């Protein structure tokens, strides 16, 4: 769900995927992601661009 500010500016949220299980982790716009995956519970410590495409690797 986009907030009203994002709709006004034409900003689309990006979907980030876990590099381990390839499931979606979050939507938004981040430069660096440092968290555990809610699905596989492994640590994710990567730049945001590295997590955008689920077909990588």
PDB file of N, CA and C in Angstrom:
ATOM      1  N   UNK A   1       0.844  -1.173   0.000  1.00  0.00           N
ATOM      2  CA  UNK A   1       0.000   0.000   0.000  1.00  0.00           C
ATOM      3  C   UNK A   1       0.890   1.238   0.000  1.00  0.00           C
ATOM      4  N   UNK A   2       0.688   2.096  -0.963  1.00  0.00           N
ATOM      5  CA  UNK A   2       1.470   3.312  -1.058  1.00  0.00           C
ATOM      6  C   UNK A   2       0.799   4.415  -0.254  1.00  0.00           C
ATOM      7  N   UNK A   3       1.617   5.256   0.375  1.00  0.00           N
ATOM      8  CA  UNK A   3       1.006   6.366   1.072  1.00  0.00           C
ATOM      9  C   UNK A   3       0.733   7.499   0.092  1.00  0.00           C
ATOM     10  N   UNK A   4      -0.011   8.502   0.498  1.00  0.00           N
ATOM     11  CA  UNK A   4      -0.430   9.574  -0.391  1.00  0.00           C
ATOM     12  C   UNK A   4       0.743  10.381  -0.927  1.00  0.00           C
ATOM     13  N   UNK A   5       1.797  10.577  -0.139  1.00  0.00           N
ATOM     14  CA  UNK A   5       2.963  11.332  -0.597  1.00  0.00           C
ATOM     15  C   UNK A   5       3.630  10.635  -1.778  1.00  0.00           C
ATOM     16  N   UNK A   6       3.721   9.314  -1.727  1.00  0.00           N
ATOM     17  CA  UNK A   6       4.337   8.572  -2.820  1.00  0.00           C
ATOM     18  C   UNK A   6       3.492   8.661  -4.077  1.00  0.00           C
ATOM     19  N   UNK A   7       2.175   8.632  -3.956  1.00  0.00           N
ATOM     20  CA  UNK A   7       1.299   8.729  -5.115  1.00  0.00           C
ATOM     21  C   UNK A   7       1.429  10.096  -5.773  1.00  0.00           C
ATOM     22  N   UNK A   8       1.526  11.140  -4.981  1.00  0.00           N
ATOM     23  CA  UNK A   8       1.633  12.487  -5.522  1.00  0.00           C
ATOM     24  C   UNK A   8       2.932  12.686  -6.277  1.00  0.00           C
ATOM     25  N   UNK A   9       4.023  12.108  -5.784  1.00  0.00           N
ATOM     26  CA  UNK A   9       5.335  12.276  -6.399  1.00  0.00           C
ATOM     27  C   UNK A   9       5.586  11.258  -7.510  1.00  0.00           C
ATOM     28  N   UNK A  10       4.725  10.279  -7.663  1.00  0.00           N
ATOM     29  CA  UNK A  10       4.913   9.254  -8.683  1.00  0.00           C
ATOM     30  C   UNK A  10       5.987   8.243  -8.322  1.00  0.00           C
ATOM     31  N   UNK A  11       6.261   8.058  -7.040  1.00  0.00           N
ATOM     32  CA  UNK A  11       7.280   7.121  -6.581  1.00  0.00           C
ATOM     33  C   UNK A  11       6.644   5.740  -6.409  1.00  0.00           C
ATOM     34  N   UNK A  12       7.249   4.741  -7.027  1.00  0.00           N
ATOM     35  CA  UNK A  12       6.774   3.373  -6.838  1.00  0.00           C
ATOM     36  C   UNK A  12       7.674   2.683  -5.837  1.00  0.00           C
ATOM     37  N   UNK A  13       7.086   1.884  -4.959  1.00  0.00           N
ATOM     38  CA  UNK A  13       7.905   1.144  -4.000  1.00  0.00           C
ATOM     39  C   UNK A  13       8.504  -0.073  -4.691  1.00  0.00           C
ATOM     40  N   UNK A  14       9.710  -0.439  -4.288  1.00  0.00           N
ATOM     41  CA  UNK A  14      10.415  -1.584  -4.847  1.00  0.00           C
ATOM     42  C   UNK A  14      10.190  -2.776  -3.933  1.00  0.00           C
ATOM     43  N   UNK A  15      10.192  -3.964  -4.501  1.00  0.00           N
ATOM     44  CA  UNK A  15      10.073  -5.181  -3.714  1.00  0.00           C
ATOM     45  C   UNK A  15      11.452  -5.814  -3.589  1.00  0.00           C
ATOM     46  N   UNK A  16      11.847  -6.100  -2.363  1.00  0.00           N
ATOM     47  CA  UNK A  16      13.153  -6.701  -2.080  1.00  0.00           C
ATOM     48  C   UNK A  16      12.956  -8.160  -1.701  1.00  0.00           C
ATOM     49  N   UNK A  17      13.856  -9.031  -2.194  1.00  0.00           N
ATOM     50  CA  UNK A  17      13.747 -10.470  -1.986  1.00  0.00           C
ATOM     51  C   UNK A  17      14.925 -10.991  -1.170  1.00  0.00           C
ATOM     52  N   UNK A  18      14.677 -12.021  -0.393  1.00  0.00           N
ATOM     53  CA  UNK A  18      15.723 -12.669   0.398  1.00  0.00           C
ATOM     54  C   UNK A  18      16.691 -13.383  -0.545  1.00  0.00           C
ATOM     55  N   UNK A  19      18.009 -13.188  -0.369  1.00  0.00           N
ATOM     56  CA  UNK A  19      18.967 -13.878  -1.240  1.00  0.00           C
ATOM     57  C   UNK A  19      19.070 -15.383  -0.955  1.00  0.00           C
ATOM     58  N   UNK A  20      18.522 -15.836   0.157  1.00  0.00           N
ATOM     59  CA  UNK A  20      18.614 -17.246   0.553  1.00  0.00           C
ATOM     60  C   UNK A  20      17.406 -18.049   0.079  1.00  0.00           C
ATOM     61  N   UNK A  21      16.203 -17.561   0.374  1.00  0.00           N
ATOM     62  CA  UNK A  21      14.994 -18.328   0.041  1.00  0.00           C
ATOM     63  C   UNK A  21      14.190 -17.711  -1.110  1.00  0.00           C
ATOM     64  N   UNK A  22      14.582 -16.535  -1.566  1.00  0.00           N
ATOM     65  CA  UNK A  22      13.961 -15.835  -2.696  1.00  0.00           C
ATOM     66  C   UNK A  22      12.530 -15.378  -2.444  1.00  0.00           C
ATOM     67  N   UNK A  23      12.102 -15.336  -1.204  1.00  0.00           N
ATOM     68  CA  UNK A  23      10.765 -14.836  -0.888  1.00  0.00           C
ATOM     69  C   UNK A  23      10.827 -13.332  -0.644  1.00  0.00           C
ATOM     70  N   UNK A  24       9.737 -12.613  -0.910  1.00  0.00           N
ATOM     71  CA  UNK A  24       9.742 -11.162  -0.680  1.00  0.00           C
ATOM     72  C   UNK A  24       9.977 -10.841   0.790  1.00  0.00           C
ATOM     73  N   UNK A  25      10.837  -9.865   1.030  1.00  0.00           N
ATOM     74  CA  UNK A  25      11.185  -9.470   2.393  1.00  0.00           C
ATOM     75  C   UNK A  25      10.441  -8.192   2.770  1.00  0.00           C
ATOM     76  N   UNK A  26      10.450  -7.212   1.878  1.00  0.00           N
ATOM     77  CA  UNK A  26       9.796  -5.941   2.180  1.00  0.00           C
ATOM     78  C   UNK A  26       9.610  -5.132   0.910  1.00  0.00           C
ATOM     79  N   UNK A  27       8.783  -4.100   1.008  1.00  0.00           N
ATOM     80  CA  UNK A  27       8.607  -3.133  -0.063  1.00  0.00           C
ATOM     81  C   UNK A  27       9.032  -1.778   0.461  1.00  0.00           C
ATOM     82  N   UNK A  28       9.592  -0.983  -0.405  1.00  0.00           N
ATOM     83  CA  UNK A  28      10.026   0.346  -0.006  1.00  0.00           C
ATOM     84  C   UNK A  28      11.183   0.788  -0.871  1.00  0.00           C
ATOM     85  N   UNK A  29      12.026   1.643  -0.327  1.00  0.00           N
ATOM     86  CA  UNK A  29      13.202   2.123  -1.031  1.00  0.00           C
ATOM     87  C   UNK A  29      14.319   2.277  -0.009  1.00  0.00           C
ATOM     88  N   UNK A  30      15.269   1.360  -0.029  1.00  0.00           N
ATOM     89  CA  UNK A  30      16.365   1.382   0.947  1.00  0.00           C
ATOM     90  C   UNK A  30      17.706   1.342   0.228  1.00  0.00           C
ATOM     91  N   UNK A  31      18.733   1.862   0.894  1.00  0.00           N
ATOM     92  CA  UNK A  31      20.091   1.796   0.355  1.00  0.00           C
ATOM     93  C   UNK A  31      20.810   0.558   0.866  1.00  0.00           C
ATOM     94  N   UNK A  32      20.544   0.173   2.110  1.00  0.00           N
ATOM     95  CA  UNK A  32      21.179  -1.006   2.702  1.00  0.00           C
ATOM     96  C   UNK A  32      20.144  -1.716   3.584  1.00  0.00           C
ATOM     97  N   UNK A  33      20.134  -3.024   3.509  1.00  0.00           N
ATOM     98  CA  UNK A  33      19.183  -3.817   4.281  1.00  0.00           C
ATOM     99  C   UNK A  33      19.959  -4.720   5.229  1.00  0.00           C
ATOM    100  N   UNK A  34      19.642  -4.635   6.513  1.00  0.00           N
ATOM    101  CA  UNK A  34      20.307  -5.429   7.534  1.00  0.00           C
ATOM    102  C   UNK A  34      19.213  -5.956   8.465  1.00  0.00           C
ATOM    103  N   UNK A  35      18.771  -7.187   8.209  1.00  0.00           N
ATOM    104  CA  UNK A  35      17.676  -7.773   8.990  1.00  0.00           C
ATOM    105  C   UNK A  35      17.677  -9.284   8.812  1.00  0.00           C
ATOM    106  N   UNK A  36      16.807  -9.963   9.526  1.00  0.00           N
ATOM    107  CA  UNK A  36      16.625 -11.396   9.310  1.00  0.00           C
ATOM    108  C   UNK A  36      15.370 -11.588   8.461  1.00  0.00           C
ATOM    109  N   UNK A  37      15.416 -12.586   7.615  1.00  0.00           N
ATOM    110  CA  UNK A  37      14.282 -12.893   6.748  1.00  0.00           C
ATOM    111  C   UNK A  37      13.146 -13.461   7.594  1.00  0.00           C
ATOM    112  N   UNK A  38      11.925 -12.963   7.423  1.00  0.00           N
ATOM    113  CA  UNK A  38      10.807 -13.509   8.201  1.00  0.00           C
ATOM    114  C   UNK A  38      10.424 -14.936   7.791  1.00  0.00           C
ATOM    115  N   UNK A  39      10.862 -15.386   6.617  1.00  0.00           N
ATOM    116  CA  UNK A  39      10.529 -16.738   6.163  1.00  0.00           C
ATOM    117  C   UNK A  39      11.561 -17.778   6.574  1.00  0.00           C
ATOM    118  N   UNK A  40      12.848 -17.516   6.255  1.00  0.00           N
ATOM    119  CA  UNK A  40      13.877 -18.534   6.531  1.00  0.00           C
ATOM    120  C   UNK A  40      14.737 -18.189   7.750  1.00  0.00           C
ATOM    121  N   UNK A  41      14.575 -17.017   8.316  1.00  0.00           N
ATOM    122  CA  UNK A  41      15.262 -16.571   9.533  1.00  0.00           C
ATOM    123  C   UNK A  41      16.779 -16.474   9.399  1.00  0.00           C
ATOM    124  N   UNK A  42      17.274 -16.297   8.178  1.00  0.00           N
ATOM    125  CA  UNK A  42      18.701 -16.087   7.964  1.00  0.00           C
ATOM    126  C   UNK A  42      18.982 -14.590   7.892  1.00  0.00           C
ATOM    127  N   UNK A  43      20.209 -14.216   8.231  1.00  0.00           N
ATOM    128  CA  UNK A  43      20.598 -12.814   8.231  1.00  0.00           C
ATOM    129  C   UNK A  43      20.760 -12.293   6.808  1.00  0.00           C
ATOM    130  N   UNK A  44      20.195 -11.124   6.539  1.00  0.00           N
ATOM    131  CA  UNK A  44      20.353 -10.428   5.270  1.00  0.00           C
ATOM    132  C   UNK A  44      21.128  -9.156   5.559  1.00  0.00           C
ATOM    133  N   UNK A  45      22.284  -9.027   4.942  1.00  0.00           N
ATOM    134  CA  UNK A  45      23.101  -7.821   5.075  1.00  0.00           C
ATOM    135  C   UNK A  45      23.618  -7.497   3.685  1.00  0.00           C
ATOM    136  N   UNK A  46      22.886  -6.640   2.969  1.00  0.00           N
ATOM    137  CA  UNK A  46      23.229  -6.366   1.579  1.00  0.00           C
ATOM    138  C   UNK A  46      22.780  -4.970   1.191  1.00  0.00           C
ATOM    139  N   UNK A  47      23.327  -4.495   0.082  1.00  0.00           N
ATOM    140  CA  UNK A  47      22.856  -3.248  -0.490  1.00  0.00           C
ATOM    141  C   UNK A  47      21.488  -3.500  -1.112  1.00  0.00           C
ATOM    142  N   UNK A  48      20.638  -2.503  -1.102  1.00  0.00           N
ATOM    143  CA  UNK A  48      19.284  -2.656  -1.607  1.00  0.00           C
ATOM    144  C   UNK A  48      19.212  -3.140  -3.036  1.00  0.00           C
ATOM    145  N   UNK A  49      20.100  -2.648  -3.914  1.00  0.00           N
ATOM    146  CA  UNK A  49      20.073  -3.043  -5.318  1.00  0.00           C
ATOM    147  C   UNK A  49      20.368  -4.523  -5.511  1.00  0.00           C
ATOM    148  N   UNK A  50      21.096  -5.126  -4.576  1.00  0.00           N
ATOM    149  CA  UNK A  50      21.428  -6.553  -4.692  1.00  0.00           C
ATOM    150  C   UNK A  50      20.220  -7.447  -4.427  1.00  0.00           C
ATOM    151  N   UNK A  51      19.167  -6.914  -3.854  1.00  0.00           N
ATOM    152  CA  UNK A  51      18.017  -7.719  -3.451  1.00  0.00           C
ATOM    153  C   UNK A  51      16.775  -7.488  -4.318  1.00  0.00           C
ATOM    154  N   UNK A  52      16.895  -6.697  -5.364  1.00  0.00           N
ATOM    155  CA  UNK A  52      15.731  -6.356  -6.169  1.00  0.00           C
ATOM    156  C   UNK A  52      15.229  -7.486  -7.051  1.00  0.00           C
ATOM    157  N   UNK A  53      16.109  -8.222  -7.690  1.00  0.00           N
ATOM    158  CA  UNK A  53      15.708  -9.204  -8.676  1.00  0.00           C
ATOM    159  C   UNK A  53      15.774 -10.606  -8.082  1.00  0.00           C
ATOM    160  N   UNK A  54      14.655 -11.296  -8.048  1.00  0.00           N
ATOM    161  CA  UNK A  54      14.641 -12.615  -7.433  1.00  0.00           C
ATOM    162  C   UNK A  54      15.234 -13.683  -8.348  1.00  0.00           C
ATOM    163  N   UNK A  55      15.475 -13.408  -9.616  1.00  0.00           N
ATOM    164  CA  UNK A  55      16.058 -14.399 -10.517  1.00  0.00           C
ATOM    165  C   UNK A  55      17.579 -14.414 -10.465  1.00  0.00           C
ATOM    166  N   UNK A  56      18.216 -13.454  -9.782  1.00  0.00           N
ATOM    167  CA  UNK A  56      19.675 -13.408  -9.706  1.00  0.00           C
ATOM    168  C   UNK A  56      20.226 -14.644  -8.981  1.00  0.00           C
ATOM    169  N   UNK A  57      21.451 -14.981  -9.272  1.00  0.00           N
ATOM    170  CA  UNK A  57      22.220 -16.082  -8.677  1.00  0.00           C
ATOM    171  C   UNK A  57      21.714 -17.390  -9.141  1.00  0.00           C
TER     172      UNK A  57
END
